[in-house]
């Protein structure tokens, strides 16, 4: 039987890479993009990360993070 539960939090739904739900995928992307070089999010950016991680529509947040992914003016470049 196929599972649609996130391998991290157990939430049911659409799974992304690593069998993670959208919310966990957003959290991982934010941790990666906002990393201060020590494996932590820069303290002044923690409120932004928290707001994006807990937004009502995490799929919209993931789409925003991946916007213009291949271009130099992408959201990811802006956040880095």
PDB file of N, CA and C in Angstrom:
ATOM      1  N   UNK A   1       0.839  -1.185   0.000  1.00  0.00           N
ATOM      2  CA  UNK A   1       0.000   0.000   0.000  1.00  0.00           C
ATOM      3  C   UNK A   1       0.886   1.251   0.000  1.00  0.00           C
ATOM      4  N   UNK A   2       0.555   2.206  -0.836  1.00  0.00           N
ATOM      5  CA  UNK A   2       1.331   3.434  -0.958  1.00  0.00           C
ATOM      6  C   UNK A   2       0.956   4.418   0.153  1.00  0.00           C
ATOM      7  N   UNK A   3       1.962   5.021   0.746  1.00  0.00           N
ATOM      8  CA  UNK A   3       1.732   5.982   1.817  1.00  0.00           C
ATOM      9  C   UNK A   3       1.844   7.400   1.276  1.00  0.00           C
ATOM     10  N   UNK A   4       0.947   8.259   1.723  1.00  0.00           N
ATOM     11  CA  UNK A   4       0.989   9.668   1.385  1.00  0.00           C
ATOM     12  C   UNK A   4       1.267  10.490   2.624  1.00  0.00           C
ATOM     13  N   UNK A   5       2.020   9.920   3.538  1.00  0.00           N
ATOM     14  CA  UNK A   5       2.380  10.606   4.785  1.00  0.00           C
ATOM     15  C   UNK A   5       3.815  11.102   4.699  1.00  0.00           C
ATOM     16  N   UNK A   6       4.005  12.298   5.173  1.00  0.00           N
ATOM     17  CA  UNK A   6       5.333  12.898   5.197  1.00  0.00           C
ATOM     18  C   UNK A   6       6.249  12.041   6.060  1.00  0.00           C
ATOM     19  N   UNK A   7       7.454  11.820   5.571  1.00  0.00           N
ATOM     20  CA  UNK A   7       8.402  10.989   6.315  1.00  0.00           C
ATOM     21  C   UNK A   7       8.936  11.709   7.556  1.00  0.00           C
ATOM     22  N   UNK A   8       8.738  13.023   7.667  1.00  0.00           N
ATOM     23  CA  UNK A   8       9.211  13.775   8.828  1.00  0.00           C
ATOM     24  C   UNK A   8       8.094  14.039   9.837  1.00  0.00           C
ATOM     25  N   UNK A   9       6.996  14.630   9.388  1.00  0.00           N
ATOM     26  CA  UNK A   9       5.960  15.059  10.347  1.00  0.00           C
ATOM     27  C   UNK A   9       4.729  14.160  10.353  1.00  0.00           C
ATOM     28  N   UNK A  10       4.590  13.290   9.356  1.00  0.00           N
ATOM     29  CA  UNK A  10       3.460  12.377   9.306  1.00  0.00           C
ATOM     30  C   UNK A  10       2.210  12.953   8.662  1.00  0.00           C
ATOM     31  N   UNK A  11       2.255  14.215   8.234  1.00  0.00           N
ATOM     32  CA  UNK A  11       1.111  14.854   7.578  1.00  0.00           C
ATOM     33  C   UNK A  11       0.781  14.129   6.284  1.00  0.00           C
ATOM     34  N   UNK A  12      -0.512  13.935   6.028  1.00  0.00           N
ATOM     35  CA  UNK A  12      -0.948  13.296   4.800  1.00  0.00           C
ATOM     36  C   UNK A  12      -1.112  14.331   3.708  1.00  0.00           C
ATOM     37  N   UNK A  13      -0.768  13.972   2.489  1.00  0.00           N
ATOM     38  CA  UNK A  13      -0.975  14.868   1.362  1.00  0.00           C
ATOM     39  C   UNK A  13       0.084  14.704   0.305  1.00  0.00           C
ATOM     40  N   UNK A  14       0.196  15.729  -0.536  1.00  0.00           N
ATOM     41  CA  UNK A  14       1.166  15.716  -1.623  1.00  0.00           C
ATOM     42  C   UNK A  14       2.573  15.658  -1.053  1.00  0.00           C
ATOM     43  N   UNK A  15       3.366  14.738  -1.570  1.00  0.00           N
ATOM     44  CA  UNK A  15       4.744  14.595  -1.116  1.00  0.00           C
ATOM     45  C   UNK A  15       5.699  15.102  -2.185  1.00  0.00           C
ATOM     46  N   UNK A  16       6.791  15.649  -1.738  1.00  0.00           N
ATOM     47  CA  UNK A  16       7.826  16.174  -2.616  1.00  0.00           C
ATOM     48  C   UNK A  16       9.078  15.322  -2.426  1.00  0.00           C
ATOM     49  N   UNK A  17      10.189  15.844  -2.894  1.00  0.00           N
ATOM     50  CA  UNK A  17      11.453  15.117  -2.786  1.00  0.00           C
ATOM     51  C   UNK A  17      11.715  14.691  -1.340  1.00  0.00           C
ATOM     52  N   UNK A  18      12.221  13.512  -1.173  1.00  0.00           N
ATOM     53  CA  UNK A  18      12.514  12.993   0.156  1.00  0.00           C
ATOM     54  C   UNK A  18      11.278  12.551   0.924  1.00  0.00           C
ATOM     55  N   UNK A  19      10.161  12.391   0.191  1.00  0.00           N
ATOM     56  CA  UNK A  19       8.877  11.997   0.795  1.00  0.00           C
ATOM     57  C   UNK A  19       8.466  12.980   1.891  1.00  0.00           C
ATOM     58  N   UNK A  20       8.683  14.263   1.633  1.00  0.00           N
ATOM     59  CA  UNK A  20       8.309  15.308   2.579  1.00  0.00           C
ATOM     60  C   UNK A  20       7.073  16.037   2.090  1.00  0.00           C
ATOM     61  N   UNK A  21       6.230  16.450   3.032  1.00  0.00           N
ATOM     62  CA  UNK A  21       5.052  17.241   2.701  1.00  0.00           C
ATOM     63  C   UNK A  21       5.491  18.637   2.261  1.00  0.00           C
ATOM     64  N   UNK A  22       4.561  19.408   1.781  1.00  0.00           N
ATOM     65  CA  UNK A  22       4.880  20.744   1.290  1.00  0.00           C
ATOM     66  C   UNK A  22       5.449  21.617   2.395  1.00  0.00           C
ATOM     67  N   UNK A  23       4.845  21.581   3.581  1.00  0.00           N
ATOM     68  CA  UNK A  23       5.311  22.428   4.681  1.00  0.00           C
ATOM     69  C   UNK A  23       6.757  22.082   5.087  1.00  0.00           C
ATOM     70  N   UNK A  24       7.081  20.811   5.156  1.00  0.00           N
ATOM     71  CA  UNK A  24       8.455  20.405   5.503  1.00  0.00           C
ATOM     72  C   UNK A  24       9.423  20.756   4.380  1.00  0.00           C
ATOM     73  N   UNK A  25       8.967  20.670   3.128  1.00  0.00           N
ATOM     74  CA  UNK A  25       9.801  21.046   2.000  1.00  0.00           C
ATOM     75  C   UNK A  25      10.103  22.542   2.034  1.00  0.00           C
ATOM     76  N   UNK A  26       9.093  23.363   2.336  1.00  0.00           N
ATOM     77  CA  UNK A  26       9.297  24.805   2.474  1.00  0.00           C
ATOM     78  C   UNK A  26      10.303  25.077   3.594  1.00  0.00           C
ATOM     79  N   UNK A  27      10.146  24.413   4.719  1.00  0.00           N
ATOM     80  CA  UNK A  27      11.067  24.611   5.850  1.00  0.00           C
ATOM     81  C   UNK A  27      12.505  24.278   5.454  1.00  0.00           C
ATOM     82  N   UNK A  28      12.696  23.190   4.725  1.00  0.00           N
ATOM     83  CA  UNK A  28      14.040  22.811   4.279  1.00  0.00           C
ATOM     84  C   UNK A  28      14.623  23.831   3.310  1.00  0.00           C
ATOM     85  N   UNK A  29      13.799  24.285   2.354  1.00  0.00           N
ATOM     86  CA  UNK A  29      14.279  25.281   1.382  1.00  0.00           C
ATOM     87  C   UNK A  29      14.663  26.573   2.093  1.00  0.00           C
ATOM     88  N   UNK A  30      13.855  27.006   3.057  1.00  0.00           N
ATOM     89  CA  UNK A  30      14.173  28.230   3.789  1.00  0.00           C
ATOM     90  C   UNK A  30      15.468  28.066   4.584  1.00  0.00           C
ATOM     91  N   UNK A  31      15.623  26.935   5.230  1.00  0.00           N
ATOM     92  CA  UNK A  31      16.853  26.682   5.988  1.00  0.00           C
ATOM     93  C   UNK A  31      18.067  26.731   5.079  1.00  0.00           C
ATOM     94  N   UNK A  32      17.921  26.195   3.891  1.00  0.00           N
ATOM     95  CA  UNK A  32      19.016  26.196   2.923  1.00  0.00           C
ATOM     96  C   UNK A  32      19.295  27.612   2.404  1.00  0.00           C
ATOM     97  N   UNK A  33      18.252  28.340   2.048  1.00  0.00           N
ATOM     98  CA  UNK A  33      18.424  29.662   1.451  1.00  0.00           C
ATOM     99  C   UNK A  33      18.875  30.729   2.456  1.00  0.00           C
ATOM    100  N   UNK A  34      18.433  30.607   3.698  1.00  0.00           N
ATOM    101  CA  UNK A  34      18.718  31.636   4.701  1.00  0.00           C
ATOM    102  C   UNK A  34      19.859  31.256   5.637  1.00  0.00           C
ATOM    103  N   UNK A  35      20.553  30.184   5.316  1.00  0.00           N
ATOM    104  CA  UNK A  35      21.672  29.702   6.135  1.00  0.00           C
ATOM    105  C   UNK A  35      22.754  30.778   6.231  1.00  0.00           C
ATOM    106  N   UNK A  36      23.225  31.030   7.439  1.00  0.00           N
ATOM    107  CA  UNK A  36      24.262  32.048   7.642  1.00  0.00           C
ATOM    108  C   UNK A  36      25.672  31.470   7.533  1.00  0.00           C
ATOM    109  N   UNK A  37      25.771  30.221   7.095  1.00  0.00           N
ATOM    110  CA  UNK A  37      27.075  29.584   6.958  1.00  0.00           C
ATOM    111  C   UNK A  37      27.404  28.658   8.116  1.00  0.00           C
ATOM    112  N   UNK A  38      26.576  28.685   9.154  1.00  0.00           N
ATOM    113  CA  UNK A  38      26.793  27.829  10.319  1.00  0.00           C
ATOM    114  C   UNK A  38      25.748  26.723  10.422  1.00  0.00           C
ATOM    115  N   UNK A  39      24.847  26.679   9.423  1.00  0.00           N
ATOM    116  CA  UNK A  39      23.766  25.698   9.484  1.00  0.00           C
ATOM    117  C   UNK A  39      22.527  26.242  10.161  1.00  0.00           C
ATOM    118  N   UNK A  40      22.554  27.518  10.505  1.00  0.00           N
ATOM    119  CA  UNK A  40      21.406  28.167  11.154  1.00  0.00           C
ATOM    120  C   UNK A  40      20.933  29.332  10.304  1.00  0.00           C
ATOM    121  N   UNK A  41      19.684  29.690  10.498  1.00  0.00           N
ATOM    122  CA  UNK A  41      19.134  30.867   9.837  1.00  0.00           C
ATOM    123  C   UNK A  41      19.613  32.100  10.586  1.00  0.00           C
ATOM    124  N   UNK A  42      20.030  33.130   9.831  1.00  0.00           N
ATOM    125  CA  UNK A  42      20.459  34.376  10.466  1.00  0.00           C
ATOM    126  C   UNK A  42      19.374  34.868  11.405  1.00  0.00           C
ATOM    127  N   UNK A  43      19.719  35.265  12.629  1.00  0.00           N
ATOM    128  CA  UNK A  43      18.718  35.650  13.632  1.00  0.00           C
ATOM    129  C   UNK A  43      17.719  36.699  13.153  1.00  0.00           C
ATOM    130  N   UNK A  44      18.175  37.677  12.394  1.00  0.00           N
ATOM    131  CA  UNK A  44      17.252  38.722  11.943  1.00  0.00           C
ATOM    132  C   UNK A  44      16.274  38.228  10.880  1.00  0.00           C
ATOM    133  N   UNK A  45      16.534  37.049  10.296  1.00  0.00           N
ATOM    134  CA  UNK A  45      15.649  36.485   9.278  1.00  0.00           C
ATOM    135  C   UNK A  45      14.731  35.391   9.827  1.00  0.00           C
ATOM    136  N   UNK A  46      14.894  35.035  11.082  1.00  0.00           N
ATOM    137  CA  UNK A  46      14.057  33.993  11.691  1.00  0.00           C
ATOM    138  C   UNK A  46      12.569  34.363  11.635  1.00  0.00           C
ATOM    139  N   UNK A  47      12.169  35.613  11.942  1.00  0.00           N
ATOM    140  CA  UNK A  47      10.733  35.940  11.840  1.00  0.00           C
ATOM    141  C   UNK A  47      10.178  35.747  10.421  1.00  0.00           C
ATOM    142  N   UNK A  48      10.962  36.089   9.408  1.00  0.00           N
ATOM    143  CA  UNK A  48      10.534  35.862   8.030  1.00  0.00           C
ATOM    144  C   UNK A  48      10.355  34.371   7.776  1.00  0.00           C
ATOM    145  N   UNK A  49      11.335  33.582   8.152  1.00  0.00           N
ATOM    146  CA  UNK A  49      11.267  32.129   7.955  1.00  0.00           C
ATOM    147  C   UNK A  49      10.071  31.534   8.694  1.00  0.00           C
ATOM    148  N   UNK A  50       9.844  31.972   9.919  1.00  0.00           N
ATOM    149  CA  UNK A  50       8.706  31.464  10.694  1.00  0.00           C
ATOM    150  C   UNK A  50       7.378  31.798  10.017  1.00  0.00           C
ATOM    151  N   UNK A  51       7.263  33.013   9.505  1.00  0.00           N
ATOM    152  CA  UNK A  51       6.026  33.419   8.817  1.00  0.00           C
ATOM    153  C   UNK A  51       5.785  32.577   7.571  1.00  0.00           C
ATOM    154  N   UNK A  52       6.833  32.332   6.813  1.00  0.00           N
ATOM    155  CA  UNK A  52       6.685  31.534   5.590  1.00  0.00           C
ATOM    156  C   UNK A  52       6.420  30.064   5.903  1.00  0.00           C
ATOM    157  N   UNK A  53       7.035  29.554   6.952  1.00  0.00           N
ATOM    158  CA  UNK A  53       6.832  28.143   7.327  1.00  0.00           C
ATOM    159  C   UNK A  53       5.416  27.877   7.806  1.00  0.00           C
ATOM    160  N   UNK A  54       4.783  28.871   8.404  1.00  0.00           N
ATOM    161  CA  UNK A  54       3.463  28.650   9.004  1.00  0.00           C
ATOM    162  C   UNK A  54       2.323  29.260   8.197  1.00  0.00           C
ATOM    163  N   UNK A  55       2.598  29.691   6.980  1.00  0.00           N
ATOM    164  CA  UNK A  55       1.544  30.307   6.169  1.00  0.00           C
ATOM    165  C   UNK A  55       0.434  29.307   5.884  1.00  0.00           C
ATOM    166  N   UNK A  56      -0.771  29.834   5.646  1.00  0.00           N
ATOM    167  CA  UNK A  56      -1.945  28.980   5.425  1.00  0.00           C
ATOM    168  C   UNK A  56      -1.813  28.081   4.204  1.00  0.00           C
ATOM    169  N   UNK A  57      -1.126  28.564   3.171  1.00  0.00           N
ATOM    170  CA  UNK A  57      -0.990  27.799   1.940  1.00  0.00           C
ATOM    171  C   UNK A  57       0.487  27.549   1.644  1.00  0.00           C
ATOM    172  N   UNK A  58       1.048  26.490   2.224  1.00  0.00           N
ATOM    173  CA  UNK A  58       2.469  26.235   2.011  1.00  0.00           C
ATOM    174  C   UNK A  58       2.822  25.978   0.541  1.00  0.00           C
ATOM    175  N   UNK A  59       1.869  25.497  -0.245  1.00  0.00           N
ATOM    176  CA  UNK A  59       2.152  25.274  -1.663  1.00  0.00           C
ATOM    177  C   UNK A  59       2.413  26.606  -2.372  1.00  0.00           C
ATOM    178  N   UNK A  60       1.704  27.658  -1.968  1.00  0.00           N
ATOM    179  CA  UNK A  60       1.968  28.991  -2.524  1.00  0.00           C
ATOM    180  C   UNK A  60       3.364  29.457  -2.126  1.00  0.00           C
ATOM    181  N   UNK A  61       3.756  29.176  -0.895  1.00  0.00           N
ATOM    182  CA  UNK A  61       5.094  29.539  -0.436  1.00  0.00           C
ATOM    183  C   UNK A  61       6.172  28.814  -1.215  1.00  0.00           C
ATOM    184  N   UNK A  62       5.943  27.539  -1.485  1.00  0.00           N
ATOM    185  CA  UNK A  62       6.913  26.756  -2.260  1.00  0.00           C
ATOM    186  C   UNK A  62       7.005  27.290  -3.685  1.00  0.00           C
ATOM    187  N   UNK A  63       5.868  27.635  -4.267  1.00  0.00           N
ATOM    188  CA  UNK A  63       5.862  28.211  -5.617  1.00  0.00           C
ATOM    189  C   UNK A  63       6.628  29.536  -5.629  1.00  0.00           C
ATOM    190  N   UNK A  64       6.456  30.351  -4.596  1.00  0.00           N
ATOM    191  CA  UNK A  64       7.162  31.626  -4.505  1.00  0.00           C
ATOM    192  C   UNK A  64       8.669  31.392  -4.386  1.00  0.00           C
ATOM    193  N   UNK A  65       9.064  30.431  -3.570  1.00  0.00           N
ATOM    194  CA  UNK A  65      10.485  30.135  -3.410  1.00  0.00           C
ATOM    195  C   UNK A  65      11.116  29.641  -4.714  1.00  0.00           C
ATOM    196  N   UNK A  66      10.343  28.957  -5.530  1.00  0.00           N
ATOM    197  CA  UNK A  66      10.855  28.395  -6.780  1.00  0.00           C
ATOM    198  C   UNK A  66      10.627  29.323  -7.981  1.00  0.00           C
ATOM    199  N   UNK A  67      10.057  30.504  -7.750  1.00  0.00           N
ATOM    200  CA  UNK A  67       9.754  31.444  -8.841  1.00  0.00           C
ATOM    201  C   UNK A  67      11.036  31.855  -9.567  1.00  0.00           C
ATOM    202  N   UNK A  68      10.968  31.830 -10.890  1.00  0.00           N
ATOM    203  CA  UNK A  68      12.101  32.224 -11.748  1.00  0.00           C
ATOM    204  C   UNK A  68      13.391  31.501 -11.369  1.00  0.00           C
ATOM    205  N   UNK A  69      13.273  30.249 -11.020  1.00  0.00           N
ATOM    206  CA  UNK A  69      14.384  29.456 -10.491  1.00  0.00           C
ATOM    207  C   UNK A  69      15.663  29.525 -11.323  1.00  0.00           C
ATOM    208  N   UNK A  70      15.519  29.603 -12.619  1.00  0.00           N
ATOM    209  CA  UNK A  70      16.684  29.562 -13.511  1.00  0.00           C
ATOM    210  C   UNK A  70      17.232  30.954 -13.836  1.00  0.00           C
ATOM    211  N   UNK A  71      16.610  31.999 -13.311  1.00  0.00           N
ATOM    212  CA  UNK A  71      17.028  33.360 -13.650  1.00  0.00           C
ATOM    213  C   UNK A  71      17.785  34.004 -12.496  1.00  0.00           C
ATOM    214  N   UNK A  72      18.640  34.963 -12.808  1.00  0.00           N
ATOM    215  CA  UNK A  72      19.429  35.615 -11.747  1.00  0.00           C
ATOM    216  C   UNK A  72      18.594  36.452 -10.781  1.00  0.00           C
ATOM    217  N   UNK A  73      17.370  36.807 -11.148  1.00  0.00           N
ATOM    218  CA  UNK A  73      16.520  37.590 -10.248  1.00  0.00           C
ATOM    219  C   UNK A  73      15.486  36.712  -9.545  1.00  0.00           C
ATOM    220  N   UNK A  74      15.816  35.451  -9.340  1.00  0.00           N
ATOM    221  CA  UNK A  74      14.882  34.517  -8.715  1.00  0.00           C
ATOM    222  C   UNK A  74      14.681  34.853  -7.241  1.00  0.00           C
ATOM    223  N   UNK A  75      13.609  34.352  -6.698  1.00  0.00           N
ATOM    224  CA  UNK A  75      13.350  34.532  -5.260  1.00  0.00           C
ATOM    225  C   UNK A  75      14.501  33.960  -4.441  1.00  0.00           C
ATOM    226  N   UNK A  76      14.991  32.793  -4.846  1.00  0.00           N
ATOM    227  CA  UNK A  76      16.090  32.155  -4.114  1.00  0.00           C
ATOM    228  C   UNK A  76      17.330  33.048  -4.095  1.00  0.00           C
ATOM    229  N   UNK A  77      17.653  33.670  -5.232  1.00  0.00           N
ATOM    230  CA  UNK A  77      18.797  34.575  -5.272  1.00  0.00           C
ATOM    231  C   UNK A  77      18.575  35.779  -4.352  1.00  0.00           C
ATOM    232  N   UNK A  78      17.370  36.292  -4.382  1.00  0.00           N
ATOM    233  CA  UNK A  78      17.031  37.446  -3.536  1.00  0.00           C
ATOM    234  C   UNK A  78      17.191  37.102  -2.050  1.00  0.00           C
ATOM    235  N   UNK A  79      16.749  35.908  -1.657  1.00  0.00           N
ATOM    236  CA  UNK A  79      16.831  35.512  -0.248  1.00  0.00           C
ATOM    237  C   UNK A  79      18.270  35.211   0.186  1.00  0.00           C
ATOM    238  N   UNK A  80      19.077  34.696  -0.727  1.00  0.00           N
ATOM    239  CA  UNK A  80      20.474  34.410  -0.389  1.00  0.00           C
ATOM    240  C   UNK A  80      21.189  35.694  -0.079  1.00  0.00           C
TER     241      UNK A  80
END
